[in-house]
Amino acid sequence: MGIIVWLIIGLIAGFIARALVPGSDSMGVVGTLVLGLIGSLVGGFLGNLFVNGQMDIQAAGIIGSIIGAILALLIYRAMGRRV
């Protein structure tokens, strides 16, 4: 049951991140889901790094997932322009 909730949170976080960052993306539902999952890991890593001072990778809550997904989307776009 936990993996289903994680996938749903990832999809929501990816959708909100894409809505908050202006510009067009050629991602479908799967790309948005992957963006949210990566955002959850990035948000969990950064949150754990700043709060506990440890570099552990873990899933974040919805706010951390959205922040991480926004960062991941900006990095994705920056790398896409160079290629």
PDB file of N, CA and C in Angstrom:
ATOM      1  N   MET A   1       0.820  -1.195   0.000  1.00  0.00           N
ATOM      2  CA  MET A   1       0.000   0.000   0.000  1.00  0.00           C
ATOM      3  C   MET A   1       0.867   1.264   0.000  1.00  0.00           C
ATOM      4  N   GLY A   2       2.041   1.195   0.630  1.00  0.00           N
ATOM      5  CA  GLY A   2       2.911   2.362   0.714  1.00  0.00           C
ATOM      6  C   GLY A   2       3.421   2.827  -0.633  1.00  0.00           C
ATOM      7  N   ILE A   3       3.707   1.895  -1.528  1.00  0.00           N
ATOM      8  CA  ILE A   3       4.219   2.276  -2.849  1.00  0.00           C
ATOM      9  C   ILE A   3       3.152   3.001  -3.663  1.00  0.00           C
ATOM     10  N   ILE A   4       1.898   2.622  -3.502  1.00  0.00           N
ATOM     11  CA  ILE A   4       0.807   3.288  -4.220  1.00  0.00           C
ATOM     12  C   ILE A   4       0.663   4.726  -3.741  1.00  0.00           C
ATOM     13  N   VAL A   5       0.749   4.929  -2.433  1.00  0.00           N
ATOM     14  CA  VAL A   5       0.668   6.288  -1.876  1.00  0.00           C
ATOM     15  C   VAL A   5       1.849   7.108  -2.351  1.00  0.00           C
ATOM     16  N   TRP A   6       3.032   6.503  -2.395  1.00  0.00           N
ATOM     17  CA  TRP A   6       4.219   7.207  -2.861  1.00  0.00           C
ATOM     18  C   TRP A   6       4.071   7.617  -4.324  1.00  0.00           C
ATOM     19  N   LEU A   7       3.496   6.747  -5.143  1.00  0.00           N
ATOM     20  CA  LEU A   7       3.265   7.076  -6.551  1.00  0.00           C
ATOM     21  C   LEU A   7       2.245   8.204  -6.698  1.00  0.00           C
ATOM     22  N   ILE A   8       1.201   8.179  -5.904  1.00  0.00           N
ATOM     23  CA  ILE A   8       0.181   9.231  -5.970  1.00  0.00           C
ATOM     24  C   ILE A   8       0.767  10.569  -5.533  1.00  0.00           C
ATOM     25  N   ILE A   9       1.534  10.576  -4.443  1.00  0.00           N
ATOM     26  CA  ILE A   9       2.186  11.807  -3.982  1.00  0.00           C
ATOM     27  C   ILE A   9       3.158  12.316  -5.041  1.00  0.00           C
ATOM     28  N   GLY A  10       3.901  11.416  -5.666  1.00  0.00           N
ATOM     29  CA  GLY A  10       4.820  11.806  -6.729  1.00  0.00           C
ATOM     30  C   GLY A  10       4.107  12.427  -7.914  1.00  0.00           C
ATOM     31  N   LEU A  11       2.969  11.859  -8.290  1.00  0.00           N
ATOM     32  CA  LEU A  11       2.196  12.409  -9.402  1.00  0.00           C
ATOM     33  C   LEU A  11       1.660  13.792  -9.060  1.00  0.00           C
ATOM     34  N   ILE A  12       1.147  13.952  -7.856  1.00  0.00           N
ATOM     35  CA  ILE A  12       0.621  15.256  -7.434  1.00  0.00           C
ATOM     36  C   ILE A  12       1.740  16.288  -7.362  1.00  0.00           C
ATOM     37  N   ALA A  13       2.868  15.906  -6.768  1.00  0.00           N
ATOM     38  CA  ALA A  13       3.997  16.835  -6.653  1.00  0.00           C
ATOM     39  C   ALA A  13       4.528  17.227  -8.030  1.00  0.00           C
ATOM     40  N   GLY A  14       4.650  16.285  -8.936  1.00  0.00           N
ATOM     41  CA  GLY A  14       5.108  16.589 -10.290  1.00  0.00           C
ATOM     42  C   GLY A  14       4.149  17.499 -11.031  1.00  0.00           C
ATOM     43  N   PHE A  15       2.846  17.273 -10.862  1.00  0.00           N
ATOM     44  CA  PHE A  15       1.846  18.120 -11.508  1.00  0.00           C
ATOM     45  C   PHE A  15       1.902  19.546 -10.968  1.00  0.00           C
ATOM     46  N   ILE A  16       1.999  19.683  -9.645  1.00  0.00           N
ATOM     47  CA  ILE A  16       2.058  21.016  -9.044  1.00  0.00           C
ATOM     48  C   ILE A  16       3.341  21.734  -9.447  1.00  0.00           C
ATOM     49  N   ALA A  17       4.461  21.024  -9.478  1.00  0.00           N
ATOM     50  CA  ALA A  17       5.731  21.632  -9.893  1.00  0.00           C
ATOM     51  C   ALA A  17       5.649  22.125 -11.326  1.00  0.00           C
ATOM     52  N   ARG A  18       5.059  21.316 -12.212  1.00  0.00           N
ATOM     53  CA  ARG A  18       4.922  21.745 -13.612  1.00  0.00           C
ATOM     54  C   ARG A  18       3.982  22.929 -13.736  1.00  0.00           C
ATOM     55  N   ALA A  19       2.990  23.022 -12.854  1.00  0.00           N
ATOM     56  CA  ALA A  19       2.060  24.152 -12.889  1.00  0.00           C
ATOM     57  C   ALA A  19       2.715  25.428 -12.347  1.00  0.00           C
ATOM     58  N   LEU A  20       3.613  25.294 -11.375  1.00  0.00           N
ATOM     59  CA  LEU A  20       4.237  26.462 -10.755  1.00  0.00           C
ATOM     60  C   LEU A  20       5.385  27.040 -11.566  1.00  0.00           C
ATOM     61  N   VAL A  21       6.088  26.204 -12.309  1.00  0.00           N
ATOM     62  CA  VAL A  21       7.234  26.664 -13.104  1.00  0.00           C
ATOM     63  C   VAL A  21       6.730  26.999 -14.504  1.00  0.00           C
ATOM     64  N   PRO A  22       6.854  28.274 -14.905  1.00  0.00           N
ATOM     65  CA  PRO A  22       6.346  28.653 -16.229  1.00  0.00           C
ATOM     66  C   PRO A  22       7.157  28.023 -17.353  1.00  0.00           C
ATOM     67  N   GLY A  23       6.491  27.812 -18.471  1.00  0.00           N
ATOM     68  CA  GLY A  23       7.138  27.220 -19.635  1.00  0.00           C
ATOM     69  C   GLY A  23       6.453  25.930 -20.022  1.00  0.00           C
ATOM     70  N   SER A  24       6.792  25.446 -21.191  1.00  0.00           N
ATOM     71  CA  SER A  24       6.168  24.220 -21.666  1.00  0.00           C
ATOM     72  C   SER A  24       7.114  23.038 -21.494  1.00  0.00           C
ATOM     73  N   ASP A  25       6.525  21.912 -21.198  1.00  0.00           N
ATOM     74  CA  ASP A  25       7.277  20.669 -21.057  1.00  0.00           C
ATOM     75  C   ASP A  25       6.601  19.611 -21.916  1.00  0.00           C
ATOM     76  N   SER A  26       7.386  18.763 -22.514  1.00  0.00           N
ATOM     77  CA  SER A  26       6.821  17.702 -23.340  1.00  0.00           C
ATOM     78  C   SER A  26       6.765  16.395 -22.562  1.00  0.00           C
ATOM     79  N   MET A  27       6.321  16.469 -21.317  1.00  0.00           N
ATOM     80  CA  MET A  27       6.203  15.282 -20.471  1.00  0.00           C
ATOM     81  C   MET A  27       4.757  14.825 -20.453  1.00  0.00           C
ATOM     82  N   GLY A  28       4.586  13.543 -20.422  1.00  0.00           N
ATOM     83  CA  GLY A  28       3.258  12.988 -20.250  1.00  0.00           C
ATOM     84  C   GLY A  28       3.023  12.674 -18.777  1.00  0.00           C
ATOM     85  N   VAL A  29       2.087  11.797 -18.534  1.00  0.00           N
ATOM     86  CA  VAL A  29       1.755  11.414 -17.160  1.00  0.00           C
ATOM     87  C   VAL A  29       2.924  10.679 -16.510  1.00  0.00           C
ATOM     88  N   VAL A  30       3.568   9.808 -17.272  1.00  0.00           N
ATOM     89  CA  VAL A  30       4.693   9.048 -16.726  1.00  0.00           C
ATOM     90  C   VAL A  30       5.860   9.981 -16.402  1.00  0.00           C
ATOM     91  N   GLY A  31       6.139  10.940 -17.270  1.00  0.00           N
ATOM     92  CA  GLY A  31       7.201  11.911 -17.010  1.00  0.00           C
ATOM     93  C   GLY A  31       6.910  12.759 -15.789  1.00  0.00           C
ATOM     94  N   THR A  32       5.646  13.145 -15.616  1.00  0.00           N
ATOM     95  CA  THR A  32       5.247  13.910 -14.447  1.00  0.00           C
ATOM     96  C   THR A  32       5.393  13.080 -13.183  1.00  0.00           C
ATOM     97  N   LEU A  33       5.048  11.808 -13.264  1.00  0.00           N
ATOM     98  CA  LEU A  33       5.188  10.897 -12.129  1.00  0.00           C
ATOM     99  C   LEU A  33       6.657  10.738 -11.751  1.00  0.00           C
ATOM    100  N   VAL A  34       7.511  10.534 -12.739  1.00  0.00           N
ATOM    101  CA  VAL A  34       8.947  10.382 -12.472  1.00  0.00           C
ATOM    102  C   VAL A  34       9.506  11.678 -11.890  1.00  0.00           C
ATOM    103  N   LEU A  35       9.065  12.821 -12.410  1.00  0.00           N
ATOM    104  CA  LEU A  35       9.498  14.107 -11.882  1.00  0.00           C
ATOM    105  C   LEU A  35       9.131  14.232 -10.405  1.00  0.00           C
ATOM    106  N   GLY A  36       7.917  13.849 -10.054  1.00  0.00           N
ATOM    107  CA  GLY A  36       7.487  13.913  -8.659  1.00  0.00           C
ATOM    108  C   GLY A  36       8.255  12.952  -7.763  1.00  0.00           C
ATOM    109  N   LEU A  37       8.539  11.760  -8.265  1.00  0.00           N
ATOM    110  CA  LEU A  37       9.306  10.792  -7.467  1.00  0.00           C
ATOM    111  C   LEU A  37      10.739  11.271  -7.250  1.00  0.00           C
ATOM    112  N   ILE A  38      11.352  11.802  -8.291  1.00  0.00           N
ATOM    113  CA  ILE A  38      12.694  12.366  -8.146  1.00  0.00           C
ATOM    114  C   ILE A  38      12.653  13.556  -7.198  1.00  0.00           C
ATOM    115  N   GLY A  39      11.610  14.374  -7.328  1.00  0.00           N
ATOM    116  CA  GLY A  39      11.443  15.512  -6.429  1.00  0.00           C
ATOM    117  C   GLY A  39      11.299  15.087  -4.985  1.00  0.00           C
ATOM    118  N   SER A  40      10.609  13.989  -4.748  1.00  0.00           N
ATOM    119  CA  SER A  40      10.458  13.485  -3.391  1.00  0.00           C
ATOM    120  C   SER A  40      11.807  13.070  -2.811  1.00  0.00           C
ATOM    121  N   LEU A  41      12.618  12.416  -3.612  1.00  0.00           N
ATOM    122  CA  LEU A  41      13.948  12.016  -3.142  1.00  0.00           C
ATOM    123  C   LEU A  41      14.866  13.219  -2.939  1.00  0.00           C
ATOM    124  N   VAL A  42      14.811  14.176  -3.865  1.00  0.00           N
ATOM    125  CA  VAL A  42      15.623  15.385  -3.725  1.00  0.00           C
ATOM    126  C   VAL A  42      15.174  16.176  -2.503  1.00  0.00           C
ATOM    127  N   GLY A  43      13.863  16.345  -2.335  1.00  0.00           N
ATOM    128  CA  GLY A  43      13.339  17.066  -1.180  1.00  0.00           C
ATOM    129  C   GLY A  43      13.678  16.376   0.131  1.00  0.00           C
ATOM    130  N   GLY A  44      13.593  15.070   0.165  1.00  0.00           N
ATOM    131  CA  GLY A  44      13.954  14.319   1.368  1.00  0.00           C
ATOM    132  C   GLY A  44      15.435  14.424   1.679  1.00  0.00           C
ATOM    133  N   PHE A  45      16.268  14.375   0.638  1.00  0.00           N
ATOM    134  CA  PHE A  45      17.711  14.510   0.822  1.00  0.00           C
ATOM    135  C   PHE A  45      18.050  15.889   1.378  1.00  0.00           C
ATOM    136  N   LEU A  46      17.505  16.950   0.752  1.00  0.00           N
ATOM    137  CA  LEU A  46      17.804  18.308   1.203  1.00  0.00           C
ATOM    138  C   LEU A  46      17.259  18.574   2.597  1.00  0.00           C
ATOM    139  N   GLY A  47      16.046  18.102   2.858  1.00  0.00           N
ATOM    140  CA  GLY A  47      15.462  18.288   4.178  1.00  0.00           C
ATOM    141  C   GLY A  47      16.276  17.598   5.252  1.00  0.00           C
ATOM    142  N   ASN A  48      16.703  16.387   4.986  1.00  0.00           N
ATOM    143  CA  ASN A  48      17.513  15.643   5.945  1.00  0.00           C
ATOM    144  C   ASN A  48      18.891  16.274   6.110  1.00  0.00           C
ATOM    145  N   LEU A  49      19.427  16.818   5.034  1.00  0.00           N
ATOM    146  CA  LEU A  49      20.740  17.453   5.098  1.00  0.00           C
ATOM    147  C   LEU A  49      20.690  18.716   5.958  1.00  0.00           C
ATOM    148  N   PHE A  50      19.656  19.537   5.771  1.00  0.00           N
ATOM    149  CA  PHE A  50      19.569  20.793   6.517  1.00  0.00           C
ATOM    150  C   PHE A  50      19.072  20.608   7.944  1.00  0.00           C
ATOM    151  N   VAL A  51      18.178  19.667   8.172  1.00  0.00           N
ATOM    152  CA  VAL A  51      17.624  19.485   9.517  1.00  0.00           C
ATOM    153  C   VAL A  51      18.537  18.626  10.387  1.00  0.00           C
ATOM    154  N   ASN A  52      18.960  17.483   9.875  1.00  0.00           N
ATOM    155  CA  ASN A  52      19.756  16.548  10.673  1.00  0.00           C
ATOM    156  C   ASN A  52      21.250  16.620  10.389  1.00  0.00           C
ATOM    157  N   GLY A  53      21.634  17.259   9.318  1.00  0.00           N
ATOM    158  CA  GLY A  53      23.038  17.321   8.953  1.00  0.00           C
ATOM    159  C   GLY A  53      23.570  16.018   8.388  1.00  0.00           C
ATOM    160  N   GLN A  54      22.676  15.109   7.974  1.00  0.00           N
ATOM    161  CA  GLN A  54      23.080  13.830   7.416  1.00  0.00           C
ATOM    162  C   GLN A  54      22.721  13.780   5.940  1.00  0.00           C
ATOM    163  N   MET A  55      23.483  13.033   5.174  1.00  0.00           N
ATOM    164  CA  MET A  55      23.244  12.931   3.741  1.00  0.00           C
ATOM    165  C   MET A  55      22.514  11.630   3.414  1.00  0.00           C
ATOM    166  N   ASP A  56      21.395  11.389   4.052  1.00  0.00           N
ATOM    167  CA  ASP A  56      20.581  10.200   3.790  1.00  0.00           C
ATOM    168  C   ASP A  56      19.555  10.510   2.711  1.00  0.00           C
ATOM    169  N   ILE A  57      19.301   9.545   1.857  1.00  0.00           N
ATOM    170  CA  ILE A  57      18.273   9.684   0.830  1.00  0.00           C
ATOM    171  C   ILE A  57      17.012   9.003   1.334  1.00  0.00           C
ATOM    172  N   GLN A  58      15.938   9.773   1.391  1.00  0.00           N
ATOM    173  CA  GLN A  58      14.654   9.239   1.818  1.00  0.00           C
ATOM    174  C   GLN A  58      13.551  10.038   1.149  1.00  0.00           C
ATOM    175  N   ALA A  59      12.360   9.515   1.188  1.00  0.00           N
ATOM    176  CA  ALA A  59      11.223  10.200   0.596  1.00  0.00           C
ATOM    177  C   ALA A  59      10.807  11.360   1.488  1.00  0.00           C
ATOM    178  N   ALA A  60      10.291  12.412   0.872  1.00  0.00           N
ATOM    179  CA  ALA A  60       9.840  13.587   1.608  1.00  0.00           C
ATOM    180  C   ALA A  60       8.321  13.621   1.619  1.00  0.00           C
ATOM    181  N   GLY A  61       7.777  14.534   2.385  1.00  0.00           N
ATOM    182  CA  GLY A  61       6.343  14.780   2.383  1.00  0.00           C
ATOM    183  C   GLY A  61       5.950  15.555   1.143  1.00  0.00           C
ATOM    184  N   ILE A  62       4.718  15.978   1.082  1.00  0.00           N
ATOM    185  CA  ILE A  62       4.209  16.637  -0.121  1.00  0.00           C
ATOM    186  C   ILE A  62       4.913  17.972  -0.380  1.00  0.00           C
ATOM    187  N   ILE A  63       5.152  18.778   0.658  1.00  0.00           N
ATOM    188  CA  ILE A  63       5.813  20.069   0.458  1.00  0.00           C
ATOM    189  C   ILE A  63       7.256  19.855   0.000  1.00  0.00           C
ATOM    190  N   GLY A  64       7.981  18.979   0.657  1.00  0.00           N
ATOM    191  CA  GLY A  64       9.351  18.670   0.245  1.00  0.00           C
ATOM    192  C   GLY A  64       9.403  18.087  -1.147  1.00  0.00           C
ATOM    193  N   SER A  65       8.398  17.279  -1.497  1.00  0.00           N
ATOM    194  CA  SER A  65       8.342  16.686  -2.832  1.00  0.00           C
ATOM    195  C   SER A  65       8.126  17.754  -3.897  1.00  0.00           C
ATOM    196  N   ILE A  66       7.276  18.720  -3.611  1.00  0.00           N
ATOM    197  CA  ILE A  66       7.018  19.800  -4.573  1.00  0.00           C
ATOM    198  C   ILE A  66       8.268  20.645  -4.764  1.00  0.00           C
ATOM    199  N   ILE A  67       8.924  21.005  -3.665  1.00  0.00           N
ATOM    200  CA  ILE A  67      10.153  21.802  -3.757  1.00  0.00           C
ATOM    201  C   ILE A  67      11.232  21.026  -4.516  1.00  0.00           C
ATOM    202  N   GLY A  68      11.385  19.759  -4.190  1.00  0.00           N
ATOM    203  CA  GLY A  68      12.362  18.936  -4.901  1.00  0.00           C
ATOM    204  C   GLY A  68      12.022  18.779  -6.371  1.00  0.00           C
ATOM    205  N   ALA A  69      10.737  18.636  -6.694  1.00  0.00           N
ATOM    206  CA  ALA A  69      10.321  18.500  -8.092  1.00  0.00           C
ATOM    207  C   ALA A  69      10.561  19.789  -8.862  1.00  0.00           C
ATOM    208  N   ILE A  70      10.362  20.927  -8.220  1.00  0.00           N
ATOM    209  CA  ILE A  70      10.653  22.206  -8.877  1.00  0.00           C
ATOM    210  C   ILE A  70      12.142  22.294  -9.179  1.00  0.00           C
ATOM    211  N   LEU A  71      12.983  21.936  -8.218  1.00  0.00           N
ATOM    212  CA  LEU A  71      14.428  21.943  -8.457  1.00  0.00           C
ATOM    213  C   LEU A  71      14.811  20.968  -9.568  1.00  0.00           C
ATOM    214  N   ALA A  72      14.248  19.775  -9.538  1.00  0.00           N
ATOM    215  CA  ALA A  72      14.547  18.781 -10.567  1.00  0.00           C
ATOM    216  C   ALA A  72      14.089  19.260 -11.946  1.00  0.00           C
ATOM    217  N   LEU A  73      12.931  19.916 -12.013  1.00  0.00           N
ATOM    218  CA  LEU A  73      12.427  20.429 -13.288  1.00  0.00           C
ATOM    219  C   LEU A  73      13.326  21.535 -13.831  1.00  0.00           C
ATOM    220  N   LEU A  74      13.781  22.417 -12.953  1.00  0.00           N
ATOM    221  CA  LEU A  74      14.678  23.487 -13.399  1.00  0.00           C
ATOM    222  C   LEU A  74      16.009  22.930 -13.892  1.00  0.00           C
ATOM    223  N   ILE A  75      16.518  21.919 -13.213  1.00  0.00           N
ATOM    224  CA  ILE A  75      17.772  21.286 -13.651  1.00  0.00           C
ATOM    225  C   ILE A  75      17.546  20.555 -14.994  1.00  0.00           C
ATOM    226  N   TYR A  76      16.411  19.890 -15.122  1.00  0.00           N
ATOM    227  CA  TYR A  76      16.081  19.192 -16.370  1.00  0.00           C
ATOM    228  C   TYR A  76      16.020  20.175 -17.536  1.00  0.00           C
ATOM    229  N   ARG A  77      15.376  21.308 -17.312  1.00  0.00           N
ATOM    230  CA  ARG A  77      15.278  22.311 -18.377  1.00  0.00           C
ATOM    231  C   ARG A  77      16.635  22.909 -18.715  1.00  0.00           C
ATOM    232  N   ALA A  78      17.470  23.158 -17.702  1.00  0.00           N
ATOM    233  CA  ALA A  78      18.798  23.724 -17.947  1.00  0.00           C
ATOM    234  C   ALA A  78      19.662  22.743 -18.739  1.00  0.00           C
ATOM    235  N   MET A  79      19.556  21.481 -18.436  1.00  0.00           N
ATOM    236  CA  MET A  79      20.329  20.482 -19.169  1.00  0.00           C
ATOM    237  C   MET A  79      19.782  20.283 -20.578  1.00  0.00           C
ATOM    238  N   GLY A  80      18.491  20.443 -20.746  1.00  0.00           N
ATOM    239  CA  GLY A  80      17.880  20.269 -22.061  1.00  0.00           C
ATOM    240  C   GLY A  80      18.284  21.362 -23.033  1.00  0.00           C
ATOM    241  N   ARG A  81      18.549  22.535 -22.541  1.00  0.00           N
ATOM    242  CA  ARG A  81      18.957  23.631 -23.415  1.00  0.00           C
ATOM    243  C   ARG A  81      20.372  23.460 -23.921  1.00  0.00           C
ATOM    244  N   ARG A  82      21.198  22.809 -23.143  1.00  0.00           N
ATOM    245  CA  ARG A  82      22.605  22.628 -23.536  1.00  0.00           C
ATOM    246  C   ARG A  82      22.785  21.524 -24.552  1.00  0.00           C
ATOM    247  N   VAL A  83      21.894  20.559 -24.552  1.00  0.00           N
ATOM    248  CA  VAL A  83      22.046  19.397 -25.431  1.00  0.00           C
ATOM    249  C   VAL A  83      21.602  19.712 -26.822  1.00  0.00           C
TER     250      VAL A  83
END
